[in-house]
């Protein structure tokens, strides 16, 4: 098969897949080096070029430099993390408590990506049936930022163990604005070869073959398509 006319070159394609496969949720490897303004601008521009349903672009970006604000967010995390730890007992509980699950104060920069649930007005094209598409669209902005950060050699960690109402209060968010992702950004000493939770024995990656269905749930994928997946995974 000839190269499609709109395809990237092999080197460009490989770089895209490298960013996808080497992206990590960073918590422990942050360096104190500041993220330069022009680099941050590239990351935010990449996030802003994410797709969004009805082109609503529901995101805003709060760049958090203040140590005081970050300390308040850290306090929210500590309270929620203590509450979350109670879900696990014995060996699993001990393993949970050993995990470092944020880099709020260690990273040189924090960023909150929000979703303005009123953006675009009452009727947004494509949102009539699934109201959550504004939240889904904002997650795509997070992913764009994450991949761009990896290409820049910048680590990113998503802090999900937060009370969103308390976080919104600390950040002074309007009522209609929801804080989707609280992120820690910065250069790192290394990118781990595997996700940290896999390295620490919390979970393993599920084999792709076990997640594939053909036409309807539980039916096998077409043999040629399944063989293609196996070939890629074996390479």
Protein backbone atom coordinates (compact mmCIF):
# COMPACT_ATOMS: atom_id res chain seq x y z
CA UNK A 1 0.00 0.00 0.00
CA UNK A 2 1.33 3.45 -0.92
CA UNK A 3 1.72 6.19 1.68
CA UNK A 4 -1.58 8.13 2.00
CA UNK A 5 -1.15 11.67 0.70
CA UNK A 6 -2.12 13.26 4.03
CA UNK A 7 -0.04 10.96 6.26
CA UNK A 8 2.91 12.23 8.26
CA UNK A 9 6.39 11.09 7.37
CA UNK A 10 7.58 7.96 9.16
CA UNK A 11 9.69 10.04 11.57
CA UNK A 12 6.82 12.40 12.36
CA UNK A 13 4.42 9.49 12.86
CA UNK A 14 6.85 7.71 15.16
CA UNK A 15 7.23 10.89 17.25
CA UNK A 16 3.45 11.06 17.77
CA UNK A 17 3.28 7.43 18.88
CA UNK A 18 6.35 7.90 21.07
CA UNK A 19 4.65 10.76 22.93
CA UNK A 20 1.57 8.60 23.44
CA UNK A 21 3.48 5.57 24.73
CA UNK A 22 6.00 7.49 26.87
CA UNK A 23 3.51 9.87 28.50
CA UNK A 24 3.49 9.39 32.25
CA UNK A 25 1.49 10.64 35.24
CA UNK A 26 4.40 12.25 37.10
CA UNK A 27 4.45 12.69 40.88
CA UNK A 28 7.96 12.06 42.16
CA UNK A 29 10.48 13.18 39.57
CA UNK A 30 9.98 16.96 39.36
CA UNK A 31 12.97 19.29 39.10
CA UNK A 32 12.87 22.90 40.38
CA UNK A 33 13.74 24.39 36.98
CA UNK A 34 11.06 26.86 35.86
CA UNK A 35 8.96 26.27 32.75
CA UNK A 36 9.83 29.08 30.38
CA UNK A 37 6.94 31.36 29.29
CA UNK A 38 7.30 30.48 25.61
CA UNK A 39 7.18 26.75 26.40
CA UNK A 40 4.09 27.21 28.57
CA UNK A 41 2.52 29.21 25.74
CA UNK A 42 3.09 26.31 23.34
CA UNK A 43 1.50 23.86 25.77
CA UNK A 44 -1.55 26.05 26.34
CA UNK A 45 -1.93 26.63 22.60
CA UNK A 46 -1.83 22.87 22.03
CA UNK A 47 -4.53 22.40 24.68
CA UNK A 48 -6.64 25.15 23.14
CA UNK A 49 -6.51 23.36 19.77
CA UNK A 50 -8.29 20.29 21.14
CA UNK A 51 -11.51 19.24 19.44
CA UNK A 52 -14.75 20.22 21.14
CA UNK A 53 -18.37 19.34 20.44
CA UNK A 54 -20.10 22.19 18.62
CA UNK A 55 -16.74 24.03 18.72
CA UNK A 56 -17.85 25.23 22.17
CA UNK A 57 -14.28 25.37 23.56
CA UNK A 58 -15.52 25.12 27.16
CA UNK A 59 -12.09 25.25 28.79
CA UNK A 60 -10.23 27.93 30.73
CA UNK A 61 -6.70 27.63 32.09
CA UNK A 62 -5.72 28.81 35.57
CA UNK A 63 -1.92 29.05 35.79
CA UNK A 64 -1.06 28.77 39.47
CA UNK A 65 2.27 30.20 40.61
CA UNK A 66 1.22 31.17 44.14
CA UNK A 67 2.73 29.05 46.90
CA UNK A 68 -0.14 30.06 49.17
CA UNK A 69 -2.78 28.80 46.74
CA UNK A 70 -0.88 25.56 46.24
CA UNK A 71 -0.61 25.02 49.98
CA UNK A 72 -4.39 25.36 50.25
CA UNK A 73 -4.86 22.83 47.46
CA UNK A 74 -2.34 20.50 49.13
CA UNK A 75 -4.40 20.66 52.33
CA UNK A 76 -7.51 19.59 50.38
CA UNK A 77 -5.53 16.70 48.91
CA UNK A 78 -4.24 15.57 52.31
CA UNK A 79 -7.75 15.43 53.75
CA UNK A 80 -9.17 13.56 50.75
CA UNK A 81 -6.21 11.20 50.58
CA UNK A 82 -6.71 10.23 54.21
CA UNK A 83 -10.36 9.54 53.44
CA UNK A 84 -9.47 7.53 50.32
CA UNK A 85 -6.90 5.44 52.20
CA UNK A 86 -9.68 4.12 54.42
CA UNK A 87 -11.00 2.20 51.39
CA UNK A 88 -8.03 -0.18 51.50
CA UNK A 89 -7.02 -2.58 54.25
CA UNK A 90 -4.04 -4.68 55.24
CA UNK A 91 -1.34 -5.07 52.56
CA UNK A 92 -3.27 -3.08 49.98
CA UNK A 93 -3.77 -0.29 52.49
CA UNK A 94 -0.07 -0.21 53.28
CA UNK A 95 0.77 -0.13 49.58
CA UNK A 96 -1.69 2.72 49.02
CA UNK A 97 -0.18 4.78 51.82
CA UNK A 98 3.29 4.24 50.37
CA UNK A 99 2.33 5.77 47.02
CA UNK A 100 3.12 9.40 46.23
CA UNK A 101 0.03 10.64 44.46
CA UNK A 102 0.75 14.34 43.81
CA UNK A 103 3.52 16.88 43.26
CA UNK A 104 1.62 20.04 44.16
CA UNK A 105 4.45 21.77 46.01
CA UNK A 106 7.39 20.02 44.33
CA UNK A 107 6.47 20.97 40.76
CA UNK A 108 7.41 24.50 39.63
CA UNK A 109 3.95 25.13 38.21
CA UNK A 110 0.36 24.07 38.80
CA UNK A 111 -2.43 24.39 36.26
CA UNK A 112 -6.17 23.90 36.58
CA UNK A 113 -8.18 23.26 33.42
CA UNK A 114 -11.83 24.08 33.95
CA UNK A 115 -15.07 23.60 32.04
CA UNK A 116 -17.53 26.47 31.71
CA UNK A 117 -20.78 24.53 31.48
CA UNK A 118 -22.66 27.57 30.13
CA UNK A 119 -20.29 28.28 27.25
CA UNK A 120 -21.97 28.35 23.87
CA UNK A 121 -25.39 29.18 25.31
CA UNK A 122 -28.40 27.03 26.02
CA UNK A 123 -28.24 25.05 22.76
CA UNK A 124 -24.82 23.89 21.59
CA UNK A 125 -24.61 22.02 18.29
CA UNK A 126 -24.14 18.31 19.00
CA UNK A 127 -24.84 18.58 22.73
CA UNK A 128 -28.60 18.09 22.70
CA UNK A 129 -28.50 14.39 23.60
CA UNK A 130 -25.33 14.13 25.70
CA UNK A 131 -24.94 17.11 28.02
CA UNK A 132 -21.59 15.82 29.33
CA UNK A 133 -19.88 16.45 26.00
CA UNK A 134 -18.55 19.73 27.41
CA UNK A 135 -16.69 17.75 30.08
CA UNK A 136 -15.51 15.21 27.51
CA UNK A 137 -14.23 18.03 25.30
CA UNK A 138 -12.29 19.53 28.21
CA UNK A 139 -10.63 16.16 28.81
CA UNK A 140 -9.40 16.27 25.22
CA UNK A 141 -7.71 19.59 25.99
CA UNK A 142 -5.99 17.88 28.94
CA UNK A 143 -4.75 15.08 26.66
CA UNK A 144 -3.44 17.56 24.08
CA UNK A 145 -1.54 19.36 26.82
CA UNK A 146 -0.19 16.09 28.20
CA UNK A 147 1.19 14.89 24.88
CA UNK A 148 2.67 18.29 24.04
CA UNK A 149 4.31 18.38 27.47
CA UNK A 150 5.92 14.98 26.86
CA UNK A 151 7.30 16.23 23.53
CA UNK A 152 8.81 19.22 25.39
CA UNK A 153 10.37 16.95 28.02
CA UNK A 154 7.98 18.23 30.67
CA UNK A 155 6.28 15.96 33.16
CA UNK A 156 2.63 16.32 34.05
CA UNK A 157 0.66 14.83 36.93
CA UNK A 158 -3.11 14.89 37.34
CA UNK A 159 -4.20 15.30 40.98
CA UNK A 160 -7.62 13.67 41.14
CA UNK A 161 -7.82 13.17 44.91
CA UNK A 162 -9.46 16.52 45.60
CA UNK A 163 -12.83 17.79 46.80
CA UNK A 164 -13.96 19.70 43.72
CA UNK A 165 -16.22 22.09 45.64
CA UNK A 166 -13.43 23.05 48.01
CA UNK A 167 -11.02 23.39 45.09
CA UNK A 168 -13.47 25.66 43.26
CA UNK A 169 -13.73 27.83 46.38
CA UNK A 170 -9.95 28.15 46.74
CA UNK A 171 -9.63 29.10 43.07
CA UNK A 172 -12.60 31.47 43.15
CA UNK A 173 -14.41 29.74 40.30
CA UNK A 174 -17.81 31.03 39.13
CA UNK A 175 -20.76 28.75 39.86
CA UNK A 176 -21.03 27.46 36.28
CA UNK A 177 -17.32 26.61 36.03
CA UNK A 178 -16.23 23.09 37.01
CA UNK A 179 -12.58 22.24 37.78
CA UNK A 180 -11.94 19.23 35.54
CA UNK A 181 -8.20 18.71 35.99
CA UNK A 182 -5.72 19.98 38.57
CA UNK A 183 -2.28 19.42 37.07
CA UNK A 184 1.35 19.62 38.24
CA UNK A 185 3.89 20.57 35.55
CA UNK A 186 7.65 20.71 35.37
CA UNK A 187 10.85 19.28 34.00
CA UNK A 188 11.73 15.90 35.47
CA UNK A 189 14.77 13.82 36.33
CA UNK A 190 13.38 10.92 34.29
CA UNK A 191 10.30 9.49 32.63
CA UNK A 192 9.66 6.03 34.02
CA UNK A 193 9.73 3.13 31.58
CA UNK A 194 6.28 2.05 32.80
CA UNK A 195 3.44 3.84 34.61
CA UNK A 196 4.35 4.27 38.26
CA UNK A 197 1.29 2.41 39.54
CA UNK A 198 2.32 -0.56 37.40
CA UNK A 199 5.90 -0.36 38.63
CA UNK A 200 4.72 -0.24 42.25
CA UNK A 201 2.50 -3.28 41.77
CA UNK A 202 -0.86 -1.52 42.07
CA UNK A 203 -2.25 -2.57 38.68
CA UNK A 204 -1.09 -3.99 35.36
CA UNK A 205 -2.03 -2.86 31.87
CA UNK A 206 -4.96 -4.87 30.54
CA UNK A 207 -4.13 -6.70 27.29
CA UNK A 208 -5.79 -4.90 24.39
CA UNK A 209 -7.00 -8.18 22.89
CA UNK A 210 -9.26 -8.78 25.89
CA UNK A 211 -10.99 -5.42 25.37
CA UNK A 212 -11.96 -5.79 21.72
CA UNK A 213 -15.43 -6.66 20.45
CA UNK A 214 -16.82 -6.97 16.93
CA UNK A 215 -20.13 -5.29 16.04
CA UNK A 216 -21.78 -6.17 19.38
CA UNK A 217 -20.52 -6.64 22.92
CA UNK A 218 -18.95 -10.03 23.48
CA UNK A 219 -18.62 -10.93 19.81
CA UNK A 220 -15.13 -11.57 18.38
CA UNK A 221 -13.34 -8.98 16.32
CA UNK A 222 -12.82 -9.89 12.66
CA UNK A 223 -9.85 -12.25 12.36
CA UNK A 224 -7.83 -9.95 10.10
CA UNK A 225 -8.28 -7.02 12.48
CA UNK A 226 -7.36 -9.13 15.52
CA UNK A 227 -4.28 -10.44 13.73
CA UNK A 228 -3.27 -6.84 13.03
CA UNK A 229 -3.49 -6.03 16.73
CA UNK A 230 -1.44 -9.10 17.67
CA UNK A 231 1.19 -8.24 15.07
CA UNK A 232 1.62 -4.72 16.42
CA UNK A 233 1.80 -5.93 20.02
CA UNK A 234 4.43 -8.51 19.13
CA UNK A 235 6.64 -6.04 17.27
